[in-house]
Every structure is written in C-alpha cells, then in structure tokens.
Amino acid sequence: MRVVLELLRIIIIIAVLSTILGYIPHFIYSELGINTDRYGWASMIGVFILIFVLYRNRLQFSGWYKGKGREKLPKRVSRILILGAIVLLLAPLMLHFLLS
C-alpha cells in the first residue's frame, strides 16, 4: 500500500511542479516574443530534470515509501543535471536568436 501511495504522491508532485515551474519560462519567453510552441520543449525538459533532482535529493525522504534504494544523487551527478537543466531552460532564448 505504501508503494501505491508513493506513486500517487510522485504523480501529483510532477503534475503540480511541472505546471508551476513550466509556466514561468513560458511566460517569460512569450513576453520576450520567443515562439514557445517551437522552442518550449527544451525548457520543459529542463523543468523535468530539476523536478527529478529535487525529488531524488529532498522529497523522496518525506514520503511513505521506506524501502531500499532511498539515497541522494551523488553531488557531481546533481551538479551536472542542474547545469544541463539550466542550459535547457536557456535553450529557447539561444535557439531563437541563433535561428532567426
């Protein structure tokens, strides 16, 4: 039962955080006149990577699941993923200016 509750919790976390965190770059890029339909996929992948790092390093320890495999990402992996997410969040801006 704990596993089912944790899976439901993960789905809700991803849905809520991706909606909130995905709206921010979409709003900023649409205000700058960048076509978010064409380049918005990159920022959403960046948002999902950030949510993954947040879950693995913080949120998984506050849930119902208490089984094996509950450990933080190594610091180096976390930094690489966060850097990649930042690059992906800035990608629509770079792609817009490079391809226009």
PDB file of N, CA and C in Angstrom:
ATOM      1  N   MET A   1       0.821  -1.197   0.000  1.00  0.00           N
ATOM      2  CA  MET A   1       0.000   0.000   0.000  1.00  0.00           C
ATOM      3  C   MET A   1       0.863   1.258   0.000  1.00  0.00           C
ATOM      4  N   ARG A   2       2.007   1.196   0.702  1.00  0.00           N
ATOM      5  CA  ARG A   2       2.887   2.362   0.755  1.00  0.00           C
ATOM      6  C   ARG A   2       3.441   2.706  -0.623  1.00  0.00           C
ATOM      7  N   VAL A   3       3.711   1.669  -1.424  1.00  0.00           N
ATOM      8  CA  VAL A   3       4.254   1.904  -2.755  1.00  0.00           C
ATOM      9  C   VAL A   3       3.231   2.616  -3.628  1.00  0.00           C
ATOM     10  N   VAL A   4       1.984   2.215  -3.539  1.00  0.00           N
ATOM     11  CA  VAL A   4       0.911   2.849  -4.319  1.00  0.00           C
ATOM     12  C   VAL A   4       0.747   4.309  -3.891  1.00  0.00           C
ATOM     13  N   LEU A   5       0.758   4.550  -2.602  1.00  0.00           N
ATOM     14  CA  LEU A   5       0.646   5.926  -2.109  1.00  0.00           C
ATOM     15  C   LEU A   5       1.823   6.776  -2.576  1.00  0.00           C
ATOM     16  N   GLU A   6       3.007   6.193  -2.568  1.00  0.00           N
ATOM     17  CA  GLU A   6       4.185   6.941  -3.007  1.00  0.00           C
ATOM     18  C   GLU A   6       4.121   7.237  -4.507  1.00  0.00           C
ATOM     19  N   LEU A   7       3.653   6.278  -5.298  1.00  0.00           N
ATOM     20  CA  LEU A   7       3.499   6.527  -6.740  1.00  0.00           C
ATOM     21  C   LEU A   7       2.475   7.622  -7.012  1.00  0.00           C
ATOM     22  N   LEU A   8       1.377   7.603  -6.271  1.00  0.00           N
ATOM     23  CA  LEU A   8       0.375   8.662  -6.405  1.00  0.00           C
ATOM     24  C   LEU A   8       0.967  10.011  -6.002  1.00  0.00           C
ATOM     25  N   ARG A   9       1.757  10.017  -4.951  1.00  0.00           N
ATOM     26  CA  ARG A   9       2.425  11.245  -4.493  1.00  0.00           C
ATOM     27  C   ARG A   9       3.391  11.769  -5.559  1.00  0.00           C
ATOM     28  N   ILE A  10       4.139  10.871  -6.192  1.00  0.00           N
ATOM     29  CA  ILE A  10       5.076  11.269  -7.247  1.00  0.00           C
ATOM     30  C   ILE A  10       4.330  11.887  -8.426  1.00  0.00           C
ATOM     31  N   ILE A  11       3.227  11.272  -8.821  1.00  0.00           N
ATOM     32  CA  ILE A  11       2.436  11.795  -9.941  1.00  0.00           C
ATOM     33  C   ILE A  11       1.910  13.189  -9.621  1.00  0.00           C
ATOM     34  N   ILE A  12       1.422  13.385  -8.410  1.00  0.00           N
ATOM     35  CA  ILE A  12       0.897  14.698  -8.012  1.00  0.00           C
ATOM     36  C   ILE A  12       2.028  15.727  -7.959  1.00  0.00           C
ATOM     37  N   ILE A  13       3.176  15.339  -7.414  1.00  0.00           N
ATOM     38  CA  ILE A  13       4.318  16.262  -7.352  1.00  0.00           C
ATOM     39  C   ILE A  13       4.741  16.678  -8.750  1.00  0.00           C
ATOM     40  N   ILE A  14       4.857  15.719  -9.652  1.00  0.00           N
ATOM     41  CA  ILE A  14       5.278  16.041 -11.021  1.00  0.00           C
ATOM     42  C   ILE A  14       4.243  16.939 -11.696  1.00  0.00           C
ATOM     43  N   ALA A  15       2.969  16.626 -11.524  1.00  0.00           N
ATOM     44  CA  ALA A  15       1.925  17.428 -12.171  1.00  0.00           C
ATOM     45  C   ALA A  15       1.919  18.866 -11.655  1.00  0.00           C
ATOM     46  N   VAL A  16       1.973  19.023 -10.346  1.00  0.00           N
ATOM     47  CA  VAL A  16       1.893  20.372  -9.764  1.00  0.00           C
ATOM     48  C   VAL A  16       3.157  21.178 -10.066  1.00  0.00           C
ATOM     49  N   LEU A  17       4.316  20.585  -9.795  1.00  0.00           N
ATOM     50  CA  LEU A  17       5.565  21.326 -10.003  1.00  0.00           C
ATOM     51  C   LEU A  17       5.836  21.619 -11.475  1.00  0.00           C
ATOM     52  N   SER A  18       5.515  20.677 -12.357  1.00  0.00           N
ATOM     53  CA  SER A  18       5.745  20.948 -13.781  1.00  0.00           C
ATOM     54  C   SER A  18       4.810  22.034 -14.298  1.00  0.00           C
ATOM     55  N   THR A  19       3.601  22.087 -13.761  1.00  0.00           N
ATOM     56  CA  THR A  19       2.684  23.152 -14.152  1.00  0.00           C
ATOM     57  C   THR A  19       3.194  24.508 -13.679  1.00  0.00           C
ATOM     58  N   ILE A  20       3.599  24.575 -12.426  1.00  0.00           N
ATOM     59  CA  ILE A  20       4.067  25.848 -11.867  1.00  0.00           C
ATOM     60  C   ILE A  20       5.397  26.261 -12.473  1.00  0.00           C
ATOM     61  N   LEU A  21       6.372  25.337 -12.437  1.00  0.00           N
ATOM     62  CA  LEU A  21       7.704  25.678 -12.942  1.00  0.00           C
ATOM     63  C   LEU A  21       7.747  25.791 -14.461  1.00  0.00           C
ATOM     64  N   GLY A  22       6.846  25.120 -15.157  1.00  0.00           N
ATOM     65  CA  GLY A  22       6.795  25.231 -16.612  1.00  0.00           C
ATOM     66  C   GLY A  22       6.176  26.533 -17.085  1.00  0.00           C
ATOM     67  N   TYR A  23       5.296  27.104 -16.261  1.00  0.00           N
ATOM     68  CA  TYR A  23       4.635  28.349 -16.644  1.00  0.00           C
ATOM     69  C   TYR A  23       5.602  29.528 -16.618  1.00  0.00           C
ATOM     70  N   ILE A  24       6.545  29.505 -15.700  1.00  0.00           N
ATOM     71  CA  ILE A  24       7.454  30.649 -15.531  1.00  0.00           C
ATOM     72  C   ILE A  24       8.278  30.916 -16.789  1.00  0.00           C
ATOM     73  N   PRO A  25       9.045  29.928 -17.314  1.00  0.00           N
ATOM     74  CA  PRO A  25       9.790  30.224 -18.540  1.00  0.00           C
ATOM     75  C   PRO A  25       8.870  30.481 -19.733  1.00  0.00           C
ATOM     76  N   HIS A  26       7.722  29.793 -19.781  1.00  0.00           N
ATOM     77  CA  HIS A  26       6.788  30.023 -20.882  1.00  0.00           C
ATOM     78  C   HIS A  26       6.318  31.478 -20.884  1.00  0.00           C
ATOM     79  N   PHE A  27       5.993  32.001 -19.721  1.00  0.00           N
ATOM     80  CA  PHE A  27       5.546  33.388 -19.606  1.00  0.00           C
ATOM     81  C   PHE A  27       6.668  34.351 -19.994  1.00  0.00           C
ATOM     82  N   ILE A  28       7.870  34.102 -19.490  1.00  0.00           N
ATOM     83  CA  ILE A  28       8.998  34.995 -19.781  1.00  0.00           C
ATOM     84  C   ILE A  28       9.311  34.990 -21.274  1.00  0.00           C
ATOM     85  N   TYR A  29       9.364  33.805 -21.877  1.00  0.00           N
ATOM     86  CA  TYR A  29       9.697  33.730 -23.298  1.00  0.00           C
ATOM     87  C   TYR A  29       8.601  34.304 -24.178  1.00  0.00           C
ATOM     88  N   SER A  30       7.351  34.138 -23.797  1.00  0.00           N
ATOM     89  CA  SER A  30       6.277  34.733 -24.593  1.00  0.00           C
ATOM     90  C   SER A  30       6.295  36.258 -24.466  1.00  0.00           C
ATOM     91  N   GLU A  31       6.702  36.787 -23.307  1.00  0.00           N
ATOM     92  CA  GLU A  31       6.835  38.236 -23.149  1.00  0.00           C
ATOM     93  C   GLU A  31       7.993  38.782 -23.984  1.00  0.00           C
ATOM     94  N   LEU A  32       9.031  37.978 -24.167  1.00  0.00           N
ATOM     95  CA  LEU A  32      10.174  38.396 -24.984  1.00  0.00           C
ATOM     96  C   LEU A  32       9.928  38.209 -26.474  1.00  0.00           C
ATOM     97  N   GLY A  33       8.799  37.601 -26.833  1.00  0.00           N
ATOM     98  CA  GLY A  33       8.463  37.392 -28.229  1.00  0.00           C
ATOM     99  C   GLY A  33       9.068  36.130 -28.822  1.00  0.00           C
ATOM    100  N   ILE A  34       9.471  35.209 -27.994  1.00  0.00           N
ATOM    101  CA  ILE A  34      10.052  33.951 -28.461  1.00  0.00           C
ATOM    102  C   ILE A  34       8.926  32.947 -28.671  1.00  0.00           C
ATOM    103  N   ASN A  35       8.971  32.239 -29.787  1.00  0.00           N
ATOM    104  CA  ASN A  35       7.946  31.265 -30.120  1.00  0.00           C
ATOM    105  C   ASN A  35       8.054  30.060 -29.193  1.00  0.00           C
ATOM    106  N   THR A  36       7.196  29.996 -28.191  1.00  0.00           N
ATOM    107  CA  THR A  36       7.264  28.898 -27.226  1.00  0.00           C
ATOM    108  C   THR A  36       6.722  27.598 -27.801  1.00  0.00           C
ATOM    109  N   ASP A  37       5.914  27.664 -28.849  1.00  0.00           N
ATOM    110  CA  ASP A  37       5.446  26.434 -29.482  1.00  0.00           C
ATOM    111  C   ASP A  37       6.592  25.723 -30.198  1.00  0.00           C
ATOM    112  N   ARG A  38       7.521  26.488 -30.689  1.00  0.00           N
ATOM    113  CA  ARG A  38       8.637  25.908 -31.440  1.00  0.00           C
ATOM    114  C   ARG A  38       9.789  25.482 -30.539  1.00  0.00           C
ATOM    115  N   TYR A  39      10.091  26.267 -29.511  1.00  0.00           N
ATOM    116  CA  TYR A  39      11.271  26.012 -28.682  1.00  0.00           C
ATOM    117  C   TYR A  39      10.954  25.662 -27.229  1.00  0.00           C
ATOM    118  N   GLY A  40       9.689  25.604 -26.866  1.00  0.00           N
ATOM    119  CA  GLY A  40       9.308  25.380 -25.478  1.00  0.00           C
ATOM    120  C   GLY A  40       9.633  23.991 -24.949  1.00  0.00           C
ATOM    121  N   TRP A  41       9.810  23.033 -25.839  1.00  0.00           N
ATOM    122  CA  TRP A  41      10.126  21.670 -25.409  1.00  0.00           C
ATOM    123  C   TRP A  41      11.420  21.617 -24.607  1.00  0.00           C
ATOM    124  N   ALA A  42      12.391  22.437 -24.968  1.00  0.00           N
ATOM    125  CA  ALA A  42      13.684  22.416 -24.278  1.00  0.00           C
ATOM    126  C   ALA A  42      13.529  22.875 -22.830  1.00  0.00           C
ATOM    127  N   SER A  43      12.753  23.927 -22.615  1.00  0.00           N
ATOM    128  CA  SER A  43      12.587  24.405 -21.246  1.00  0.00           C
ATOM    129  C   SER A  43      11.782  23.411 -20.409  1.00  0.00           C
ATOM    130  N   MET A  44      10.832  22.701 -21.007  1.00  0.00           N
ATOM    131  CA  MET A  44      10.073  21.711 -20.246  1.00  0.00           C
ATOM    132  C   MET A  44      10.939  20.516 -19.853  1.00  0.00           C
ATOM    133  N   ILE A  45      11.852  20.111 -20.718  1.00  0.00           N
ATOM    134  CA  ILE A  45      12.780  19.040 -20.347  1.00  0.00           C
ATOM    135  C   ILE A  45      13.654  19.508 -19.182  1.00  0.00           C
ATOM    136  N   GLY A  46      14.098  20.762 -19.221  1.00  0.00           N
ATOM    137  CA  GLY A  46      14.871  21.322 -18.120  1.00  0.00           C
ATOM    138  C   GLY A  46      14.084  21.337 -16.816  1.00  0.00           C
ATOM    139  N   VAL A  47      12.814  21.656 -16.884  1.00  0.00           N
ATOM    140  CA  VAL A  47      11.952  21.662 -15.698  1.00  0.00           C
ATOM    141  C   VAL A  47      11.825  20.250 -15.141  1.00  0.00           C
ATOM    142  N   PHE A  48      11.626  19.264 -16.014  1.00  0.00           N
ATOM    143  CA  PHE A  48      11.508  17.881 -15.547  1.00  0.00           C
ATOM    144  C   PHE A  48      12.802  17.383 -14.917  1.00  0.00           C
ATOM    145  N   ILE A  49      13.937  17.790 -15.441  1.00  0.00           N
ATOM    146  CA  ILE A  49      15.215  17.411 -14.833  1.00  0.00           C
ATOM    147  C   ILE A  49      15.346  18.032 -13.445  1.00  0.00           C
ATOM    148  N   LEU A  50      14.970  19.289 -13.306  1.00  0.00           N
ATOM    149  CA  LEU A  50      15.017  19.937 -11.988  1.00  0.00           C
ATOM    150  C   LEU A  50      14.088  19.251 -10.985  1.00  0.00           C
ATOM    151  N   ILE A  51      12.911  18.852 -11.432  1.00  0.00           N
ATOM    152  CA  ILE A  51      11.984  18.145 -10.550  1.00  0.00           C
ATOM    153  C   ILE A  51      12.574  16.800 -10.139  1.00  0.00           C
ATOM    154  N   PHE A  52      13.215  16.107 -11.078  1.00  0.00           N
ATOM    155  CA  PHE A  52      13.854  14.829 -10.762  1.00  0.00           C
ATOM    156  C   PHE A  52      14.934  14.995  -9.700  1.00  0.00           C
ATOM    157  N   VAL A  53      15.789  16.005  -9.855  1.00  0.00           N
ATOM    158  CA  VAL A  53      16.857  16.243  -8.880  1.00  0.00           C
ATOM    159  C   VAL A  53      16.256  16.619  -7.528  1.00  0.00           C
ATOM    160  N   LEU A  54      15.249  17.470  -7.525  1.00  0.00           N
ATOM    161  CA  LEU A  54      14.582  17.854  -6.279  1.00  0.00           C
ATOM    162  C   LEU A  54      13.975  16.641  -5.587  1.00  0.00           C
ATOM    163  N   TYR A  55      13.317  15.778  -6.341  1.00  0.00           N
ATOM    164  CA  TYR A  55      12.708  14.606  -5.734  1.00  0.00           C
ATOM    165  C   TYR A  55      13.765  13.661  -5.167  1.00  0.00           C
ATOM    166  N   ARG A  56      14.798  13.375  -5.964  1.00  0.00           N
ATOM    167  CA  ARG A  56      15.800  12.408  -5.510  1.00  0.00           C
ATOM    168  C   ARG A  56      16.622  12.912  -4.331  1.00  0.00           C
ATOM    169  N   ASN A  57      16.823  14.227  -4.238  1.00  0.00           N
ATOM    170  CA  ASN A  57      17.667  14.753  -3.166  1.00  0.00           C
ATOM    171  C   ASN A  57      16.890  15.217  -1.941  1.00  0.00           C
ATOM    172  N   ARG A  58      15.613  15.515  -2.062  1.00  0.00           N
ATOM    173  CA  ARG A  58      14.853  16.042  -0.920  1.00  0.00           C
ATOM    174  C   ARG A  58      13.524  15.321  -0.682  1.00  0.00           C
ATOM    175  N   LEU A  59      12.691  15.281  -1.700  1.00  0.00           N
ATOM    176  CA  LEU A  59      11.297  14.881  -1.495  1.00  0.00           C
ATOM    177  C   LEU A  59      11.100  13.394  -1.240  1.00  0.00           C
ATOM    178  N   GLN A  60      12.011  12.539  -1.704  1.00  0.00           N
ATOM    179  CA  GLN A  60      11.811  11.109  -1.513  1.00  0.00           C
ATOM    180  C   GLN A  60      11.929  10.694  -0.050  1.00  0.00           C
ATOM    181  N   PHE A  61      12.571  11.519   0.738  1.00  0.00           N
ATOM    182  CA  PHE A  61      12.767  11.169   2.149  1.00  0.00           C
ATOM    183  C   PHE A  61      11.581  11.557   3.025  1.00  0.00           C
ATOM    184  N   SER A  62      10.624  12.283   2.472  1.00  0.00           N
ATOM    185  CA  SER A  62       9.464  12.693   3.262  1.00  0.00           C
ATOM    186  C   SER A  62       8.207  11.923   2.876  1.00  0.00           C
ATOM    187  N   GLY A  63       8.340  10.882   2.072  1.00  0.00           N
ATOM    188  CA  GLY A  63       7.179  10.140   1.603  1.00  0.00           C
ATOM    189  C   GLY A  63       6.858   8.925   2.436  1.00  0.00           C
ATOM    190  N   TRP A  64       5.969   8.090   1.890  1.00  0.00           N
ATOM    191  CA  TRP A  64       5.513   6.899   2.595  1.00  0.00           C
ATOM    192  C   TRP A  64       6.440   5.708   2.401  1.00  0.00           C
ATOM    193  N   TYR A  65       7.165   5.680   1.293  1.00  0.00           N
ATOM    194  CA  TYR A  65       8.000   4.524   0.987  1.00  0.00           C
ATOM    195  C   TYR A  65       9.249   4.528   1.862  1.00  0.00           C
ATOM    196  N   LYS A  66       9.503   3.409   2.517  1.00  0.00           N
ATOM    197  CA  LYS A  66      10.651   3.307   3.418  1.00  0.00           C
ATOM    198  C   LYS A  66      11.587   2.158   3.014  1.00  0.00           C
ATOM    199  N   GLY A  67      11.475   1.676   1.783  1.00  0.00           N
ATOM    200  CA  GLY A  67      12.245   0.511   1.344  1.00  0.00           C
ATOM    201  C   GLY A  67      13.651   0.858   0.875  1.00  0.00           C
ATOM    202  N   LYS A  68      14.215  -0.085   0.116  1.00  0.00           N
ATOM    203  CA  LYS A  68      15.581   0.062  -0.378  1.00  0.00           C
ATOM    204  C   LYS A  68      15.643   1.100  -1.492  1.00  0.00           C
ATOM    205  N   GLY A  69      16.860   1.551  -1.769  1.00  0.00           N
ATOM    206  CA  GLY A  69      17.085   2.461  -2.884  1.00  0.00           C
ATOM    207  C   GLY A  69      16.840   3.921  -2.578  1.00  0.00           C
ATOM    208  N   ARG A  70      16.643   4.261  -1.338  1.00  0.00           N
ATOM    209  CA  ARG A  70      16.401   5.659  -0.972  1.00  0.00           C
ATOM    210  C   ARG A  70      17.731   6.304  -0.635  1.00  0.00           C
ATOM    211  N   GLU A  71      18.349   6.903  -1.616  1.00  0.00           N
ATOM    212  CA  GLU A  71      19.601   7.610  -1.382  1.00  0.00           C
ATOM    213  C   GLU A  71      19.666   8.818  -2.307  1.00  0.00           C
ATOM    214  N   LYS A  72      20.406   9.808  -1.874  1.00  0.00           N
ATOM    215  CA  LYS A  72      20.559  11.019  -2.663  1.00  0.00           C
ATOM    216  C   LYS A  72      21.416  10.731  -3.890  1.00  0.00           C
ATOM    217  N   LEU A  73      21.244  11.593  -4.896  1.00  0.00           N
ATOM    218  CA  LEU A  73      22.141  11.531  -6.045  1.00  0.00           C
ATOM    219  C   LEU A  73      23.520  11.999  -5.599  1.00  0.00           C
ATOM    220  N   PRO A  74      24.575  11.461  -6.200  1.00  0.00           N
ATOM    221  CA  PRO A  74      25.910  11.995  -5.884  1.00  0.00           C
ATOM    222  C   PRO A  74      25.987  13.480  -6.246  1.00  0.00           C
ATOM    223  N   LYS A  75      26.794  14.224  -5.501  1.00  0.00           N
ATOM    224  CA  LYS A  75      26.882  15.674  -5.721  1.00  0.00           C
ATOM    225  C   LYS A  75      27.265  16.012  -7.155  1.00  0.00           C
ATOM    226  N   ARG A  76      28.197  15.250  -7.710  1.00  0.00           N
ATOM    227  CA  ARG A  76      28.641  15.535  -9.077  1.00  0.00           C
ATOM    228  C   ARG A  76      27.501  15.329 -10.082  1.00  0.00           C
ATOM    229  N   VAL A  77      26.738  14.263  -9.915  1.00  0.00           N
ATOM    230  CA  VAL A  77      25.607  14.000 -10.800  1.00  0.00           C
ATOM    231  C   VAL A  77      24.555  15.092 -10.646  1.00  0.00           C
ATOM    232  N   SER A  78      24.295  15.506  -9.409  1.00  0.00           N
ATOM    233  CA  SER A  78      23.327  16.580  -9.183  1.00  0.00           C
ATOM    234  C   SER A  78      23.757  17.863  -9.873  1.00  0.00           C
ATOM    235  N   ARG A  79      25.024  18.201  -9.751  1.00  0.00           N
ATOM    236  CA  ARG A  79      25.525  19.430 -10.388  1.00  0.00           C
ATOM    237  C   ARG A  79      25.440  19.354 -11.904  1.00  0.00           C
ATOM    238  N   ILE A  80      25.789  18.197 -12.464  1.00  0.00           N
ATOM    239  CA  ILE A  80      25.722  18.035 -13.922  1.00  0.00           C
ATOM    240  C   ILE A  80      24.276  18.147 -14.401  1.00  0.00           C
ATOM    241  N   LEU A  81      23.354  17.499 -13.697  1.00  0.00           N
ATOM    242  CA  LEU A  81      21.946  17.576 -14.087  1.00  0.00           C
ATOM    243  C   LEU A  81      21.389  18.985 -13.950  1.00  0.00           C
ATOM    244  N   ILE A  82      21.748  19.680 -12.882  1.00  0.00           N
ATOM    245  CA  ILE A  82      21.267  21.047 -12.698  1.00  0.00           C
ATOM    246  C   ILE A  82      21.851  21.966 -13.768  1.00  0.00           C
ATOM    247  N   LEU A  83      23.114  21.809 -14.085  1.00  0.00           N
ATOM    248  CA  LEU A  83      23.728  22.610 -15.147  1.00  0.00           C
ATOM    249  C   LEU A  83      23.059  22.325 -16.493  1.00  0.00           C
ATOM    250  N   GLY A  84      22.809  21.052 -16.771  1.00  0.00           N
ATOM    251  CA  GLY A  84      22.104  20.697 -18.006  1.00  0.00           C
ATOM    252  C   GLY A  84      20.703  21.276 -18.051  1.00  0.00           C
ATOM    253  N   ALA A  85      20.011  21.273 -16.913  1.00  0.00           N
ATOM    254  CA  ALA A  85      18.667  21.847 -16.856  1.00  0.00           C
ATOM    255  C   ALA A  85      18.697  23.350 -17.102  1.00  0.00           C
ATOM    256  N   ILE A  86      19.700  24.023 -16.565  1.00  0.00           N
ATOM    257  CA  ILE A  86      19.821  25.468 -16.789  1.00  0.00           C
ATOM    258  C   ILE A  86      20.076  25.755 -18.260  1.00  0.00           C
ATOM    259  N   VAL A  87      20.938  24.954 -18.880  1.00  0.00           N
ATOM    260  CA  VAL A  87      21.201  25.123 -20.314  1.00  0.00           C
ATOM    261  C   VAL A  87      19.919  24.901 -21.111  1.00  0.00           C
ATOM    262  N   LEU A  88      19.153  23.869 -20.744  1.00  0.00           N
ATOM    263  CA  LEU A  88      17.891  23.613 -21.443  1.00  0.00           C
ATOM    264  C   LEU A  88      16.862  24.707 -21.190  1.00  0.00           C
ATOM    265  N   LEU A  89      16.864  25.291 -20.001  1.00  0.00           N
ATOM    266  CA  LEU A  89      15.941  26.393 -19.733  1.00  0.00           C
ATOM    267  C   LEU A  89      16.296  27.638 -20.534  1.00  0.00           C
ATOM    268  N   LEU A  90      17.578  27.812 -20.826  1.00  0.00           N
ATOM    269  CA  LEU A  90      18.013  28.955 -21.630  1.00  0.00           C
ATOM    270  C   LEU A  90      18.040  28.651 -23.126  1.00  0.00           C
ATOM    271  N   ALA A  91      17.868  27.392 -23.502  1.00  0.00           N
ATOM    272  CA  ALA A  91      17.934  26.988 -24.903  1.00  0.00           C
ATOM    273  C   ALA A  91      16.933  27.713 -25.799  1.00  0.00           C
ATOM    274  N   PRO A  92      15.670  27.901 -25.410  1.00  0.00           N
ATOM    275  CA  PRO A  92      14.753  28.618 -26.312  1.00  0.00           C
ATOM    276  C   PRO A  92      15.266  30.032 -26.643  1.00  0.00           C
ATOM    277  N   LEU A  93      15.848  30.691 -25.675  1.00  0.00           N
ATOM    278  CA  LEU A  93      16.395  32.021 -25.916  1.00  0.00           C
ATOM    279  C   LEU A  93      17.540  31.955 -26.922  1.00  0.00           C
ATOM    280  N   MET A  94      18.454  31.006 -26.707  1.00  0.00           N
ATOM    281  CA  MET A  94      19.596  30.863 -27.616  1.00  0.00           C
ATOM    282  C   MET A  94      19.153  30.419 -29.003  1.00  0.00           C
ATOM    283  N   LEU A  95      18.241  29.446 -29.075  1.00  0.00           N
ATOM    284  CA  LEU A  95      17.764  28.959 -30.371  1.00  0.00           C
ATOM    285  C   LEU A  95      17.035  30.048 -31.145  1.00  0.00           C
ATOM    286  N   HIS A  96      16.265  30.854 -30.443  1.00  0.00           N
ATOM    287  CA  HIS A  96      15.538  31.935 -31.102  1.00  0.00           C
ATOM    288  C   HIS A  96      16.487  32.915 -31.776  1.00  0.00           C
ATOM    289  N   PHE A  97      17.544  33.306 -31.070  1.00  0.00           N
ATOM    290  CA  PHE A  97      18.469  34.281 -31.637  1.00  0.00           C
ATOM    291  C   PHE A  97      19.399  33.669 -32.667  1.00  0.00           C
ATOM    292  N   LEU A  98      19.740  32.409 -32.515  1.00  0.00           N
ATOM    293  CA  LEU A  98      20.628  31.760 -33.488  1.00  0.00           C
ATOM    294  C   LEU A  98      19.932  31.412 -34.789  1.00  0.00           C
ATOM    295  N   LEU A  99      18.673  31.011 -34.704  1.00  0.00           N
ATOM    296  CA  LEU A  99      17.944  30.550 -35.894  1.00  0.00           C
ATOM    297  C   LEU A  99      17.042  31.607 -36.520  1.00  0.00           C
ATOM    298  N   SER A 100      17.030  32.802 -35.953  1.00  0.00           N
ATOM    299  CA  SER A 100      16.182  33.869 -36.529  1.00  0.00           C
ATOM    300  C   SER A 100      16.942  34.726 -37.491  1.00  0.00           C
TER     301      SER A 100
END
